[in-house]
Amino acid sequence: MSKKAKKQAEQGTWAICITAGLIIGVGLGPLSGNFLITLLICGAIGVGAGYFFTHQKKRSKR
């Protein structure tokens, strides 16, 4: 995989994770009673998931 393709794949992973977090936040906002805080918390969880998925180390096969 070239550097350009790898960078684009990482950007896509970040975008999907953050978008999923925000959509979940929009869905859970009315249930919690505070829309803005729920949206920010779920967005932060999406950022954390994006970081986790893009910074995993490859395991070597033994």
Protein backbone atom coordinates (compact mmCIF):
# COMPACT_ATOMS: atom_id res chain seq x y z
CA MET A 1 0.00 0.00 0.00
CA SER A 2 1.42 3.36 -0.99
CA LYS A 3 1.77 6.26 1.43
CA LYS A 4 -0.97 8.20 -0.33
CA ALA A 5 -3.42 5.29 -0.20
CA LYS A 6 -2.62 4.64 3.46
CA LYS A 7 -3.17 8.29 4.35
CA GLN A 8 -6.50 8.35 2.52
CA ALA A 9 -7.58 5.15 4.29
CA GLU A 10 -6.74 6.68 7.68
CA GLN A 11 -8.68 9.85 6.84
CA GLY A 12 -11.67 7.74 5.85
CA THR A 13 -11.52 5.81 9.11
CA TRP A 14 -11.41 9.05 11.11
CA ALA A 15 -14.35 10.46 9.16
CA ILE A 16 -16.52 7.37 9.59
CA CYS A 17 -15.82 7.09 13.33
CA ILE A 18 -16.52 10.76 14.04
CA THR A 19 -19.67 10.73 11.89
CA ALA A 20 -20.96 7.60 13.61
CA GLY A 21 -20.33 9.18 17.02
CA LEU A 22 -22.21 12.33 16.06
CA ILE A 23 -25.15 10.38 14.64
CA ILE A 24 -25.38 8.31 17.81
CA GLY A 25 -25.20 11.54 19.81
CA VAL A 26 -28.10 12.99 17.83
CA GLY A 27 -30.09 9.83 18.53
CA LEU A 28 -29.34 9.73 22.25
CA GLY A 29 -29.66 13.48 22.80
CA PRO A 30 -33.41 13.59 23.42
CA LEU A 31 -33.22 10.54 25.70
CA SER A 32 -30.70 12.14 28.04
CA GLY A 33 -32.41 15.52 28.17
CA ASN A 34 -29.30 17.50 27.22
CA PHE A 35 -28.70 17.41 23.49
CA LEU A 36 -25.46 19.41 23.30
CA ILE A 37 -23.55 17.52 26.00
CA THR A 38 -24.60 14.14 24.59
CA LEU A 39 -23.57 15.22 21.10
CA LEU A 40 -20.14 16.35 22.33
CA ILE A 41 -19.55 13.21 24.40
CA CYS A 42 -20.47 10.90 21.53
CA GLY A 43 -18.34 12.96 19.14
CA ALA A 44 -15.40 12.58 21.53
CA ILE A 45 -16.00 8.83 21.68
CA GLY A 46 -15.92 8.81 17.86
CA VAL A 47 -12.59 10.64 17.90
CA GLY A 48 -11.24 8.10 20.39
CA ALA A 49 -12.41 5.21 18.23
CA GLY A 50 -10.81 6.78 15.16
CA TYR A 51 -7.53 7.17 17.01
CA PHE A 52 -7.70 3.58 18.25
CA PHE A 53 -8.35 2.13 14.81
CA THR A 54 -5.69 4.18 13.01
CA HIS A 55 -2.94 3.58 15.58
CA GLN A 56 -3.21 -0.17 16.04
CA LYS A 57 0.03 -2.08 15.74
CA LYS A 58 0.14 -4.99 13.36
CA ARG A 59 0.62 -8.35 15.03
CA SER A 60 3.21 -10.60 13.53
CA LYS A 61 2.17 -14.13 12.69
CA ARG A 62 4.13 -16.80 14.46
